[in-house]
ModelCIF file with pLDDT and N, C-alpha, C, O atoms, coordinates in Angstrom:
data_MODEL
#
_entry.id   MODEL 
#
_entity.id                         1 
_entity.type                       polymer 
_entity.pdbx_number_of_molecules   1 
#
_entity_poly.entity_id                      1 
_entity_poly.type                           'polypeptide(L)' 
_entity_poly.nstd_linkage                   no 
_entity_poly.nstd_monomer                   no 
_entity_poly.pdbx_seq_one_letter_code       VGTYVLARRHFGRAAALAAAALFAANPWAVEYARK 
_entity_poly.pdbx_seq_one_letter_code_can   VGTYVLARRHFGRAAALAAAALFAANPWAVEYARK 
_entity_poly.pdbx_strand_id                 A 
#
loop_
_entity_poly_seq.entity_id 
_entity_poly_seq.num 
_entity_poly_seq.mon_id 
_entity_poly_seq.hetero 
1 1  VAL n 
1 2  GLY n 
1 3  THR n 
1 4  TYR n 
1 5  VAL n 
1 6  LEU n 
1 7  ALA n 
1 8  ARG n 
1 9  ARG n 
1 10 HIS n 
1 11 PHE n 
1 12 GLY n 
1 13 ARG n 
1 14 ALA n 
1 15 ALA n 
1 16 ALA n 
1 17 LEU n 
1 18 ALA n 
1 19 ALA n 
1 20 ALA n 
1 21 ALA n 
1 22 LEU n 
1 23 PHE n 
1 24 ALA n 
1 25 ALA n 
1 26 ASN n 
1 27 PRO n 
1 28 TRP n 
1 29 ALA n 
1 30 VAL n 
1 31 GLU n 
1 32 TYR n 
1 33 ALA n 
1 34 ARG n 
1 35 LYS n 
#
_struct_asym.id          A 
_struct_asym.entity_id   1 
#
loop_
_ma_qa_metric.id 
_ma_qa_metric.mode 
_ma_qa_metric.name 
_ma_qa_metric.software_group_id 
_ma_qa_metric.type 
1 global pLDDT . pLDDT 
2 local  pLDDT . pLDDT 
#
_ma_qa_metric_global.metric_id      1 
_ma_qa_metric_global.metric_value   94.97 
_ma_qa_metric_global.model_id       1 
_ma_qa_metric_global.ordinal_id     1 
#
loop_
_ma_qa_metric_local.label_asym_id 
_ma_qa_metric_local.label_comp_id 
_ma_qa_metric_local.label_seq_id 
_ma_qa_metric_local.metric_id 
_ma_qa_metric_local.metric_value 
_ma_qa_metric_local.model_id 
_ma_qa_metric_local.ordinal_id 
A VAL 1  2 97.00 1 1  
A GLY 2  2 97.00 1 2  
A THR 3  2 97.00 1 3  
A TYR 4  2 98.00 1 4  
A VAL 5  2 97.00 1 5  
A LEU 6  2 97.00 1 6  
A ALA 7  2 97.00 1 7  
A ARG 8  2 96.00 1 8  
A ARG 9  2 95.00 1 9  
A HIS 10 2 95.00 1 10 
A PHE 11 2 95.00 1 11 
A GLY 12 2 92.00 1 12 
A ARG 13 2 92.00 1 13 
A ALA 14 2 93.00 1 14 
A ALA 15 2 95.00 1 15 
A ALA 16 2 96.00 1 16 
A LEU 17 2 96.00 1 17 
A ALA 18 2 96.00 1 18 
A ALA 19 2 97.00 1 19 
A ALA 20 2 97.00 1 20 
A ALA 21 2 97.00 1 21 
A LEU 22 2 97.00 1 22 
A PHE 23 2 97.00 1 23 
A ALA 24 2 97.00 1 24 
A ALA 25 2 96.00 1 25 
A ASN 26 2 96.00 1 26 
A PRO 27 2 94.00 1 27 
A TRP 28 2 93.00 1 28 
A ALA 29 2 95.00 1 29 
A VAL 30 2 94.00 1 30 
A GLU 31 2 90.00 1 31 
A TYR 32 2 92.00 1 32 
A ALA 33 2 93.00 1 33 
A ARG 34 2 90.00 1 34 
A LYS 35 2 88.00 1 35 
#
loop_
_atom_site.group_PDB 
_atom_site.id 
_atom_site.type_symbol 
_atom_site.label_atom_id 
_atom_site.label_alt_id 
_atom_site.label_comp_id 
_atom_site.label_asym_id 
_atom_site.label_entity_id 
_atom_site.label_seq_id 
_atom_site.pdbx_PDB_ins_code 
_atom_site.Cartn_x 
_atom_site.Cartn_y 
_atom_site.Cartn_z 
_atom_site.occupancy 
_atom_site.B_iso_or_equiv 
_atom_site.pdbx_formal_charge 
_atom_site.auth_seq_id 
_atom_site.auth_comp_id 
_atom_site.auth_asym_id 
_atom_site.auth_atom_id 
_atom_site.pdbx_PDB_model_num 
ATOM 1   N N  . VAL A 1 1  ? 2.586   5.421  1.437  1.00 97.00 ? 1  VAL A N  1 
ATOM 2   C CA . VAL A 1 1  ? 4.251   5.632  1.009  1.00 97.00 ? 1  VAL A CA 1 
ATOM 3   C C  . VAL A 1 1  ? 4.715   4.969  1.950  1.00 97.00 ? 1  VAL A C  1 
ATOM 4   O O  . VAL A 1 1  ? 5.695   4.264  1.709  1.00 97.00 ? 1  VAL A O  1 
ATOM 5   N N  . GLY A 1 2  ? 4.237   4.989  3.099  1.00 97.00 ? 2  GLY A N  1 
ATOM 6   C CA . GLY A 1 2  ? 5.356   3.780  4.311  1.00 97.00 ? 2  GLY A CA 1 
ATOM 7   C C  . GLY A 1 2  ? 5.149   2.375  3.676  1.00 97.00 ? 2  GLY A C  1 
ATOM 8   O O  . GLY A 1 2  ? 6.154   1.750  3.336  1.00 97.00 ? 2  GLY A O  1 
ATOM 9   N N  . THR A 1 3  ? 4.104   1.918  3.521  1.00 97.00 ? 3  THR A N  1 
ATOM 10  C CA . THR A 1 3  ? 4.159   0.532  2.838  1.00 97.00 ? 3  THR A CA 1 
ATOM 11  C C  . THR A 1 3  ? 4.741   0.478  1.823  1.00 97.00 ? 3  THR A C  1 
ATOM 12  O O  . THR A 1 3  ? 5.302   -0.613 1.717  1.00 97.00 ? 3  THR A O  1 
ATOM 13  N N  . TYR A 1 4  ? 4.935   1.259  0.815  1.00 98.00 ? 4  TYR A N  1 
ATOM 14  C CA . TYR A 1 4  ? 5.604   0.907  -0.352 1.00 98.00 ? 4  TYR A CA 1 
ATOM 15  C C  . TYR A 1 4  ? 7.294   0.913  -0.358 1.00 98.00 ? 4  TYR A C  1 
ATOM 16  O O  . TYR A 1 4  ? 8.043   0.353  -1.159 1.00 98.00 ? 4  TYR A O  1 
ATOM 17  N N  . VAL A 1 5  ? 7.653   1.800  0.893  1.00 97.00 ? 5  VAL A N  1 
ATOM 18  C CA . VAL A 1 5  ? 8.759   1.896  1.389  1.00 97.00 ? 5  VAL A CA 1 
ATOM 19  C C  . VAL A 1 5  ? 9.540   0.083  2.337  1.00 97.00 ? 5  VAL A C  1 
ATOM 20  O O  . VAL A 1 5  ? 10.437  -0.734 2.126  1.00 97.00 ? 5  VAL A O  1 
ATOM 21  N N  . LEU A 1 6  ? 8.427   0.339  3.375  1.00 97.00 ? 6  LEU A N  1 
ATOM 22  C CA . LEU A 1 6  ? 8.667   -0.785 3.765  1.00 97.00 ? 6  LEU A CA 1 
ATOM 23  C C  . LEU A 1 6  ? 8.851   -2.221 3.408  1.00 97.00 ? 6  LEU A C  1 
ATOM 24  O O  . LEU A 1 6  ? 9.473   -3.093 4.014  1.00 97.00 ? 6  LEU A O  1 
ATOM 25  N N  . ALA A 1 7  ? 7.960   -2.299 1.939  1.00 97.00 ? 7  ALA A N  1 
ATOM 26  C CA . ALA A 1 7  ? 7.896   -3.723 1.221  1.00 97.00 ? 7  ALA A CA 1 
ATOM 27  C C  . ALA A 1 7  ? 9.221   -3.096 0.518  1.00 97.00 ? 7  ALA A C  1 
ATOM 28  O O  . ALA A 1 7  ? 10.191  -3.448 1.190  1.00 97.00 ? 7  ALA A O  1 
ATOM 29  N N  . ARG A 1 8  ? 9.627   -2.286 -0.604 1.00 96.00 ? 8  ARG A N  1 
ATOM 30  C CA . ARG A 1 8  ? 10.494  -1.862 -1.239 1.00 96.00 ? 8  ARG A CA 1 
ATOM 31  C C  . ARG A 1 8  ? 11.580  -2.463 -0.906 1.00 96.00 ? 8  ARG A C  1 
ATOM 32  O O  . ARG A 1 8  ? 12.188  -3.205 -1.677 1.00 96.00 ? 8  ARG A O  1 
ATOM 33  N N  . ARG A 1 9  ? 12.018  -2.152 0.537  1.00 95.00 ? 9  ARG A N  1 
ATOM 34  C CA . ARG A 1 9  ? 13.358  -2.532 1.180  1.00 95.00 ? 9  ARG A CA 1 
ATOM 35  C C  . ARG A 1 9  ? 13.646  -3.495 2.001  1.00 95.00 ? 9  ARG A C  1 
ATOM 36  O O  . ARG A 1 9  ? 14.719  -3.535 2.604  1.00 95.00 ? 9  ARG A O  1 
ATOM 37  N N  . HIS A 1 10 ? 12.399  -4.688 2.158  1.00 95.00 ? 10 HIS A N  1 
ATOM 38  C CA . HIS A 1 10 ? 12.577  -6.175 2.263  1.00 95.00 ? 10 HIS A CA 1 
ATOM 39  C C  . HIS A 1 10 ? 12.192  -6.810 1.582  1.00 95.00 ? 10 HIS A C  1 
ATOM 40  O O  . HIS A 1 10 ? 12.520  -7.996 1.608  1.00 95.00 ? 10 HIS A O  1 
ATOM 41  N N  . PHE A 1 11 ? 11.184  -6.248 0.511  1.00 95.00 ? 11 PHE A N  1 
ATOM 42  C CA . PHE A 1 11 ? 10.448  -7.631 -0.204 1.00 95.00 ? 11 PHE A CA 1 
ATOM 43  C C  . PHE A 1 11 ? 10.407  -7.605 -1.175 1.00 95.00 ? 11 PHE A C  1 
ATOM 44  O O  . PHE A 1 11 ? 9.809   -8.522 -1.738 1.00 95.00 ? 11 PHE A O  1 
ATOM 45  N N  . GLY A 1 12 ? 11.276  -6.085 -2.303 1.00 92.00 ? 12 GLY A N  1 
ATOM 46  C CA . GLY A 1 12 ? 11.255  -5.726 -3.506 1.00 92.00 ? 12 GLY A CA 1 
ATOM 47  C C  . GLY A 1 12 ? 10.097  -5.058 -4.403 1.00 92.00 ? 12 GLY A C  1 
ATOM 48  O O  . GLY A 1 12 ? 8.921   -4.895 -4.076 1.00 92.00 ? 12 GLY A O  1 
ATOM 49  N N  . ARG A 1 13 ? 10.579  -4.792 -5.341 1.00 92.00 ? 13 ARG A N  1 
ATOM 50  C CA . ARG A 1 13 ? 9.926   -3.520 -6.280 1.00 92.00 ? 13 ARG A CA 1 
ATOM 51  C C  . ARG A 1 13 ? 8.459   -4.253 -6.578 1.00 92.00 ? 13 ARG A C  1 
ATOM 52  O O  . ARG A 1 13 ? 7.459   -3.588 -6.310 1.00 92.00 ? 13 ARG A O  1 
ATOM 53  N N  . ALA A 1 14 ? 8.337   -5.192 -6.958 1.00 93.00 ? 14 ALA A N  1 
ATOM 54  C CA . ALA A 1 14 ? 7.043   -6.026 -7.716 1.00 93.00 ? 14 ALA A CA 1 
ATOM 55  C C  . ALA A 1 14 ? 5.773   -5.962 -5.763 1.00 93.00 ? 14 ALA A C  1 
ATOM 56  O O  . ALA A 1 14 ? 4.661   -5.514 -5.481 1.00 93.00 ? 14 ALA A O  1 
ATOM 57  N N  . ALA A 1 15 ? 6.583   -6.500 -5.203 1.00 95.00 ? 15 ALA A N  1 
ATOM 58  C CA . ALA A 1 15 ? 5.556   -6.566 -3.791 1.00 95.00 ? 15 ALA A CA 1 
ATOM 59  C C  . ALA A 1 15 ? 5.335   -5.179 -3.261 1.00 95.00 ? 15 ALA A C  1 
ATOM 60  O O  . ALA A 1 15 ? 4.377   -4.871 -2.551 1.00 95.00 ? 15 ALA A O  1 
ATOM 61  N N  . ALA A 1 16 ? 6.417   -4.249 -3.708 1.00 96.00 ? 16 ALA A N  1 
ATOM 62  C CA . ALA A 1 16 ? 6.004   -2.866 -2.914 1.00 96.00 ? 16 ALA A CA 1 
ATOM 63  C C  . ALA A 1 16 ? 5.180   -2.472 -3.547 1.00 96.00 ? 16 ALA A C  1 
ATOM 64  O O  . ALA A 1 16 ? 4.028   -2.385 -3.121 1.00 96.00 ? 16 ALA A O  1 
ATOM 65  N N  . LEU A 1 17 ? 5.600   -2.054 -4.975 1.00 96.00 ? 17 LEU A N  1 
ATOM 66  C CA . LEU A 1 17 ? 4.345   -1.367 -5.604 1.00 96.00 ? 17 LEU A CA 1 
ATOM 67  C C  . LEU A 1 17 ? 2.716   -2.063 -5.390 1.00 96.00 ? 17 LEU A C  1 
ATOM 68  O O  . LEU A 1 17 ? 1.796   -1.441 -4.859 1.00 96.00 ? 17 LEU A O  1 
ATOM 69  N N  . ALA A 1 18 ? 2.622   -3.285 -5.854 1.00 96.00 ? 18 ALA A N  1 
ATOM 70  C CA . ALA A 1 18 ? 1.685   -4.219 -5.398 1.00 96.00 ? 18 ALA A CA 1 
ATOM 71  C C  . ALA A 1 18 ? 0.693   -3.800 -4.428 1.00 96.00 ? 18 ALA A C  1 
ATOM 72  O O  . ALA A 1 18 ? -0.464  -3.384 -4.495 1.00 96.00 ? 18 ALA A O  1 
ATOM 73  N N  . ALA A 1 19 ? 1.559   -4.056 -3.464 1.00 97.00 ? 19 ALA A N  1 
ATOM 74  C CA . ALA A 1 19 ? 1.065   -3.527 -1.880 1.00 97.00 ? 19 ALA A CA 1 
ATOM 75  C C  . ALA A 1 19 ? 0.475   -2.223 -1.809 1.00 97.00 ? 19 ALA A C  1 
ATOM 76  O O  . ALA A 1 19 ? -0.596  -2.028 -1.233 1.00 97.00 ? 19 ALA A O  1 
ATOM 77  N N  . ALA A 1 20 ? 1.242   -1.184 -2.464 1.00 97.00 ? 20 ALA A N  1 
ATOM 78  C CA . ALA A 1 20 ? 0.676   0.069  -2.248 1.00 97.00 ? 20 ALA A CA 1 
ATOM 79  C C  . ALA A 1 20 ? -0.082  0.337  -3.008 1.00 97.00 ? 20 ALA A C  1 
ATOM 80  O O  . ALA A 1 20 ? -0.233  1.533  -2.757 1.00 97.00 ? 20 ALA A O  1 
ATOM 81  N N  . ALA A 1 21 ? -0.940  0.044  -4.081 1.00 97.00 ? 21 ALA A N  1 
ATOM 82  C CA . ALA A 1 21 ? -1.519  -0.107 -5.179 1.00 97.00 ? 21 ALA A CA 1 
ATOM 83  C C  . ALA A 1 21 ? -3.021  -0.924 -4.410 1.00 97.00 ? 21 ALA A C  1 
ATOM 84  O O  . ALA A 1 21 ? -3.967  -0.137 -4.437 1.00 97.00 ? 21 ALA A O  1 
ATOM 85  N N  . LEU A 1 22 ? -3.295  -1.952 -3.923 1.00 97.00 ? 22 LEU A N  1 
ATOM 86  C CA . LEU A 1 22 ? -3.844  -2.566 -3.390 1.00 97.00 ? 22 LEU A CA 1 
ATOM 87  C C  . LEU A 1 22 ? -4.296  -1.651 -2.048 1.00 97.00 ? 22 LEU A C  1 
ATOM 88  O O  . LEU A 1 22 ? -5.474  -1.644 -1.690 1.00 97.00 ? 22 LEU A O  1 
ATOM 89  N N  . PHE A 1 23 ? -3.439  -1.011 -1.458 1.00 97.00 ? 23 PHE A N  1 
ATOM 90  C CA . PHE A 1 23 ? -4.172  -0.185 -0.182 1.00 97.00 ? 23 PHE A CA 1 
ATOM 91  C C  . PHE A 1 23 ? -4.524  0.756  -0.483 1.00 97.00 ? 23 PHE A C  1 
ATOM 92  O O  . PHE A 1 23 ? -5.532  1.195  0.070  1.00 97.00 ? 23 PHE A O  1 
ATOM 93  N N  . ALA A 1 24 ? -3.786  1.615  -1.628 1.00 97.00 ? 24 ALA A N  1 
ATOM 94  C CA . ALA A 1 24 ? -4.658  3.386  -1.963 1.00 97.00 ? 24 ALA A CA 1 
ATOM 95  C C  . ALA A 1 24 ? -6.104  2.988  -2.567 1.00 97.00 ? 24 ALA A C  1 
ATOM 96  O O  . ALA A 1 24 ? -6.954  3.872  -2.670 1.00 97.00 ? 24 ALA A O  1 
ATOM 97  N N  . ALA A 1 25 ? -6.498  1.163  -3.116 1.00 96.00 ? 25 ALA A N  1 
ATOM 98  C CA . ALA A 1 25 ? -7.918  1.349  -3.927 1.00 96.00 ? 25 ALA A CA 1 
ATOM 99  C C  . ALA A 1 25 ? -8.804  0.658  -2.645 1.00 96.00 ? 25 ALA A C  1 
ATOM 100 O O  . ALA A 1 25 ? -10.024 0.731  -2.787 1.00 96.00 ? 25 ALA A O  1 
ATOM 101 N N  . ASN A 1 26 ? -8.468  0.210  -1.810 1.00 96.00 ? 26 ASN A N  1 
ATOM 102 C CA . ASN A 1 26 ? -9.242  -0.657 -1.031 1.00 96.00 ? 26 ASN A CA 1 
ATOM 103 C C  . ASN A 1 26 ? -10.329 -0.384 -0.529 1.00 96.00 ? 26 ASN A C  1 
ATOM 104 O O  . ASN A 1 26 ? -10.098 0.455  0.342  1.00 96.00 ? 26 ASN A O  1 
ATOM 105 N N  . PRO A 1 27 ? -11.429 -0.610 -0.571 1.00 94.00 ? 27 PRO A N  1 
ATOM 106 C CA . PRO A 1 27 ? -12.807 0.355  0.189  1.00 94.00 ? 27 PRO A CA 1 
ATOM 107 C C  . PRO A 1 27 ? -12.909 0.325  1.850  1.00 94.00 ? 27 PRO A C  1 
ATOM 108 O O  . PRO A 1 27 ? -13.486 1.175  2.528  1.00 94.00 ? 27 PRO A O  1 
ATOM 109 N N  . TRP A 1 28 ? -12.165 -0.937 2.381  1.00 93.00 ? 28 TRP A N  1 
ATOM 110 C CA . TRP A 1 28 ? -12.550 -0.427 3.466  1.00 93.00 ? 28 TRP A CA 1 
ATOM 111 C C  . TRP A 1 28 ? -11.592 0.817  4.087  1.00 93.00 ? 28 TRP A C  1 
ATOM 112 O O  . TRP A 1 28 ? -12.006 1.779  4.733  1.00 93.00 ? 28 TRP A O  1 
ATOM 113 N N  . ALA A 1 29 ? -10.060 0.501  3.673  1.00 95.00 ? 29 ALA A N  1 
ATOM 114 C CA . ALA A 1 29 ? -9.210  1.505  4.002  1.00 95.00 ? 29 ALA A CA 1 
ATOM 115 C C  . ALA A 1 29 ? -9.706  2.784  3.469  1.00 95.00 ? 29 ALA A C  1 
ATOM 116 O O  . ALA A 1 29 ? -9.360  3.709  4.204  1.00 95.00 ? 29 ALA A O  1 
ATOM 117 N N  . VAL A 1 30 ? -10.572 3.261  2.187  1.00 94.00 ? 30 VAL A N  1 
ATOM 118 C CA . VAL A 1 30 ? -10.792 4.569  1.422  1.00 94.00 ? 30 VAL A CA 1 
ATOM 119 C C  . VAL A 1 30 ? -11.908 4.635  2.959  1.00 94.00 ? 30 VAL A C  1 
ATOM 120 O O  . VAL A 1 30 ? -11.620 5.314  3.945  1.00 94.00 ? 30 VAL A O  1 
ATOM 121 N N  . GLU A 1 31 ? -12.809 4.020  2.878  1.00 90.00 ? 31 GLU A N  1 
ATOM 122 C CA . GLU A 1 31 ? -13.992 4.331  3.831  1.00 90.00 ? 31 GLU A CA 1 
ATOM 123 C C  . GLU A 1 31 ? -13.466 4.976  4.949  1.00 90.00 ? 31 GLU A C  1 
ATOM 124 O O  . GLU A 1 31 ? -13.759 6.159  5.120  1.00 90.00 ? 31 GLU A O  1 
ATOM 125 N N  . TYR A 1 32 ? -12.721 4.387  5.758  1.00 92.00 ? 32 TYR A N  1 
ATOM 126 C CA . TYR A 1 32 ? -12.597 4.669  7.165  1.00 92.00 ? 32 TYR A CA 1 
ATOM 127 C C  . TYR A 1 32 ? -11.056 6.184  6.930  1.00 92.00 ? 32 TYR A C  1 
ATOM 128 O O  . TYR A 1 32 ? -10.660 6.802  7.918  1.00 92.00 ? 32 TYR A O  1 
ATOM 129 N N  . ALA A 1 33 ? -10.620 6.390  5.851  1.00 93.00 ? 33 ALA A N  1 
ATOM 130 C CA . ALA A 1 33 ? -9.609  7.302  5.516  1.00 93.00 ? 33 ALA A CA 1 
ATOM 131 C C  . ALA A 1 33 ? -10.541 8.579  5.462  1.00 93.00 ? 33 ALA A C  1 
ATOM 132 O O  . ALA A 1 33 ? -10.081 9.691  5.717  1.00 93.00 ? 33 ALA A O  1 
ATOM 133 N N  . ARG A 1 34 ? -11.985 8.366  5.091  1.00 90.00 ? 34 ARG A N  1 
ATOM 134 C CA . ARG A 1 34 ? -12.464 9.916  4.907  1.00 90.00 ? 34 ARG A CA 1 
ATOM 135 C C  . ARG A 1 34 ? -13.403 10.311 6.009  1.00 90.00 ? 34 ARG A C  1 
ATOM 136 O O  . ARG A 1 34 ? -14.194 11.250 5.919  1.00 90.00 ? 34 ARG A O  1 
ATOM 137 N N  . LYS A 1 35 ? -13.228 9.336  7.320  1.00 88.00 ? 35 LYS A N  1 
ATOM 138 C CA . LYS A 1 35 ? -13.752 10.269 8.330  1.00 88.00 ? 35 LYS A CA 1 
ATOM 139 C C  . LYS A 1 35 ? -13.212 10.414 9.350  1.00 88.00 ? 35 LYS A C  1 
ATOM 140 O O  . LYS A 1 35 ? -13.665 11.199 10.183 1.00 88.00 ? 35 LYS A O  1 
#
């Protein structure tokens, strides 16, 4: 959510939604967030 807020304020809607979606699905991020 914070990634979306940061990108939305400074880089626009498309960049914000894309960055948040990639963060949400990234296997490295997901794996480390489960431990």
